[in-house]
Amino acid sequence: MGDREFRASYMAHHLRAFLADQIRALRGEASQREFGELIGKPQSVVSRLEDEEYGKVTLQTLIDVATKLDIALLVRFVDFPTLLR
């Protein structure tokens, strides 16, 4: 983790994978279309949210999802040792 570029790449990949996994978990057994209707987004958006390679999820989209599901969204900055724990 001594290389700055590697840390940035690792963090970005970790974050995208973590968000995609959370969206899939929130969707549960619902289809992407059904979940999209619940959150007010088309199926294609749900598909992108679940794609850890997409990488262009906006904070506003995450706020919209949280609002529709009546859940909180927590975003925070941490140092790398905290991330690795």
C-alpha atoms as a PDB file:
ATOM      1  CA  MET A   1       0.000   0.000   0.000  1.00  0.00           C
ATOM      2  CA  GLY A   2       3.023   2.274  -0.238  1.00  0.00           C
ATOM      3  CA  ASP A   3       2.304   3.321  -3.824  1.00  0.00           C
ATOM      4  CA  ARG A   4      -0.123   6.246  -4.097  1.00  0.00           C
ATOM      5  CA  GLU A   5      -1.518   5.201  -7.496  1.00  0.00           C
ATOM      6  CA  PHE A   6      -2.102   1.669  -6.273  1.00  0.00           C
ATOM      7  CA  ARG A   7      -3.920   2.970  -3.178  1.00  0.00           C
ATOM      8  CA  ALA A   8      -6.180   5.155  -5.326  1.00  0.00           C
ATOM      9  CA  SER A   9      -6.964   2.271  -7.675  1.00  0.00           C
ATOM     10  CA  TYR A  10      -7.579  -0.113  -4.777  1.00  0.00           C
ATOM     11  CA  MET A  11      -9.884   2.351  -3.033  1.00  0.00           C
ATOM     12  CA  ALA A  12     -11.901   3.046  -6.207  1.00  0.00           C
ATOM     13  CA  HIS A  13     -12.341  -0.655  -6.962  1.00  0.00           C
ATOM     14  CA  HIS A  14     -13.254  -1.428  -3.359  1.00  0.00           C
ATOM     15  CA  LEU A  15     -15.832   1.357  -3.277  1.00  0.00           C
ATOM     16  CA  ARG A  16     -17.453   0.361  -6.592  1.00  0.00           C
ATOM     17  CA  ALA A  17     -17.666  -3.286  -5.516  1.00  0.00           C
ATOM     18  CA  PHE A  18     -19.026  -2.360  -2.085  1.00  0.00           C
ATOM     19  CA  LEU A  19     -21.746  -0.124  -3.550  1.00  0.00           C
ATOM     20  CA  ALA A  20     -22.741  -2.709  -6.166  1.00  0.00           C
ATOM     21  CA  ASP A  21     -23.023  -5.392  -3.465  1.00  0.00           C
ATOM     22  CA  GLN A  22     -25.153  -3.126  -1.293  1.00  0.00           C
ATOM     23  CA  ILE A  23     -27.551  -2.333  -4.143  1.00  0.00           C
ATOM     24  CA  ARG A  24     -27.905  -6.051  -4.922  1.00  0.00           C
ATOM     25  CA  ALA A  25     -28.603  -6.736  -1.244  1.00  0.00           C
ATOM     26  CA  LEU A  26     -31.183  -3.941  -1.082  1.00  0.00           C
ATOM     27  CA  ARG A  27     -32.906  -5.366  -4.179  1.00  0.00           C
ATOM     28  CA  GLY A  28     -33.166  -8.780  -2.565  1.00  0.00           C
ATOM     29  CA  GLU A  29     -35.380 -11.158  -4.535  1.00  0.00           C
ATOM     30  CA  ALA A  30     -36.988  -8.387  -6.617  1.00  0.00           C
ATOM     31  CA  SER A  31     -36.113  -8.152 -10.288  1.00  0.00           C
ATOM     32  CA  GLN A  32     -34.102  -5.179 -11.462  1.00  0.00           C
ATOM     33  CA  ARG A  33     -37.264  -3.844 -13.107  1.00  0.00           C
ATOM     34  CA  GLU A  34     -39.299  -4.223  -9.898  1.00  0.00           C
ATOM     35  CA  PHE A  35     -36.581  -2.615  -7.809  1.00  0.00           C
ATOM     36  CA  GLY A  36     -36.292   0.194 -10.349  1.00  0.00           C
ATOM     37  CA  GLU A  37     -39.994   0.905  -9.995  1.00  0.00           C
ATOM     38  CA  LEU A  38     -39.588   0.991  -6.212  1.00  0.00           C
ATOM     39  CA  ILE A  39     -36.760   3.529  -6.363  1.00  0.00           C
ATOM     40  CA  GLY A  40     -38.158   5.509  -9.283  1.00  0.00           C
ATOM     41  CA  LYS A  41     -35.380   4.543 -11.723  1.00  0.00           C
ATOM     42  CA  PRO A  42     -35.447   2.483 -14.931  1.00  0.00           C
ATOM     43  CA  GLN A  43     -34.065  -1.059 -14.945  1.00  0.00           C
ATOM     44  CA  SER A  44     -31.017   0.156 -16.855  1.00  0.00           C
ATOM     45  CA  VAL A  45     -30.037   2.384 -13.919  1.00  0.00           C
ATOM     46  CA  VAL A  46     -30.410  -0.514 -11.489  1.00  0.00           C
ATOM     47  CA  SER A  47     -28.196  -2.591 -13.779  1.00  0.00           C
ATOM     48  CA  ARG A  48     -25.523   0.119 -13.761  1.00  0.00           C
ATOM     49  CA  LEU A  49     -25.756   0.508  -9.974  1.00  0.00           C
ATOM     50  CA  GLU A  50     -25.095  -3.223  -9.631  1.00  0.00           C
ATOM     51  CA  ASP A  51     -22.152  -3.151 -12.065  1.00  0.00           C
ATOM     52  CA  GLU A  52     -18.947  -2.680 -10.092  1.00  0.00           C
ATOM     53  CA  GLU A  53     -17.130  -1.711 -13.291  1.00  0.00           C
ATOM     54  CA  TYR A  54     -19.515   1.186 -14.073  1.00  0.00           C
ATOM     55  CA  GLY A  55     -17.855   3.691 -11.770  1.00  0.00           C
ATOM     56  CA  LYS A  56     -19.993   6.759 -12.502  1.00  0.00           C
ATOM     57  CA  VAL A  57     -22.617   6.519  -9.788  1.00  0.00           C
ATOM     58  CA  THR A  58     -23.487   9.979  -8.538  1.00  0.00           C
ATOM     59  CA  LEU A  59     -24.023  10.962  -4.958  1.00  0.00           C
ATOM     60  CA  GLN A  60     -27.423  12.322  -5.983  1.00  0.00           C
ATOM     61  CA  THR A  61     -28.478   8.914  -7.335  1.00  0.00           C
ATOM     62  CA  LEU A  62     -27.460   7.299  -4.054  1.00  0.00           C
ATOM     63  CA  ILE A  63     -29.414   9.966  -2.133  1.00  0.00           C
ATOM     64  CA  ASP A  64     -32.438   9.298  -4.362  1.00  0.00           C
ATOM     65  CA  VAL A  65     -32.234   5.550  -3.672  1.00  0.00           C
ATOM     66  CA  ALA A  66     -31.908   6.099   0.083  1.00  0.00           C
ATOM     67  CA  THR A  67     -34.832   8.529   0.086  1.00  0.00           C
ATOM     68  CA  LYS A  68     -37.112   6.160  -1.854  1.00  0.00           C
ATOM     69  CA  LEU A  69     -36.222   3.265   0.461  1.00  0.00           C
ATOM     70  CA  ASP A  70     -36.480   5.471   3.583  1.00  0.00           C
ATOM     71  CA  ILE A  71     -32.991   4.533   4.703  1.00  0.00           C
ATOM     72  CA  ALA A  72     -29.930   6.553   5.602  1.00  0.00           C
ATOM     73  CA  LEU A  73     -26.884   6.996   3.395  1.00  0.00           C
ATOM     74  CA  LEU A  74     -23.507   7.316   5.085  1.00  0.00           C
ATOM     75  CA  VAL A  75     -20.504   8.638   3.151  1.00  0.00           C
ATOM     76  CA  ARG A  76     -17.228   9.267   4.928  1.00  0.00           C
ATOM     77  CA  PHE A  77     -13.546   9.735   4.334  1.00  0.00           C
ATOM     78  CA  VAL A  78     -11.104   7.509   6.208  1.00  0.00           C
ATOM     79  CA  ASP A  79      -7.377   6.917   6.147  1.00  0.00           C
ATOM     80  CA  PHE A  80      -6.045   3.797   4.402  1.00  0.00           C
ATOM     81  CA  PRO A  81      -5.281   1.822   7.576  1.00  0.00           C
ATOM     82  CA  THR A  82      -8.941   2.265   8.590  1.00  0.00           C
ATOM     83  CA  LEU A  83     -10.101   1.161   5.131  1.00  0.00           C
ATOM     84  CA  LEU A  84      -7.977  -1.984   5.344  1.00  0.00           C
ATOM     85  CA  ARG A  85      -9.427  -3.012   8.716  1.00  0.00           C
END
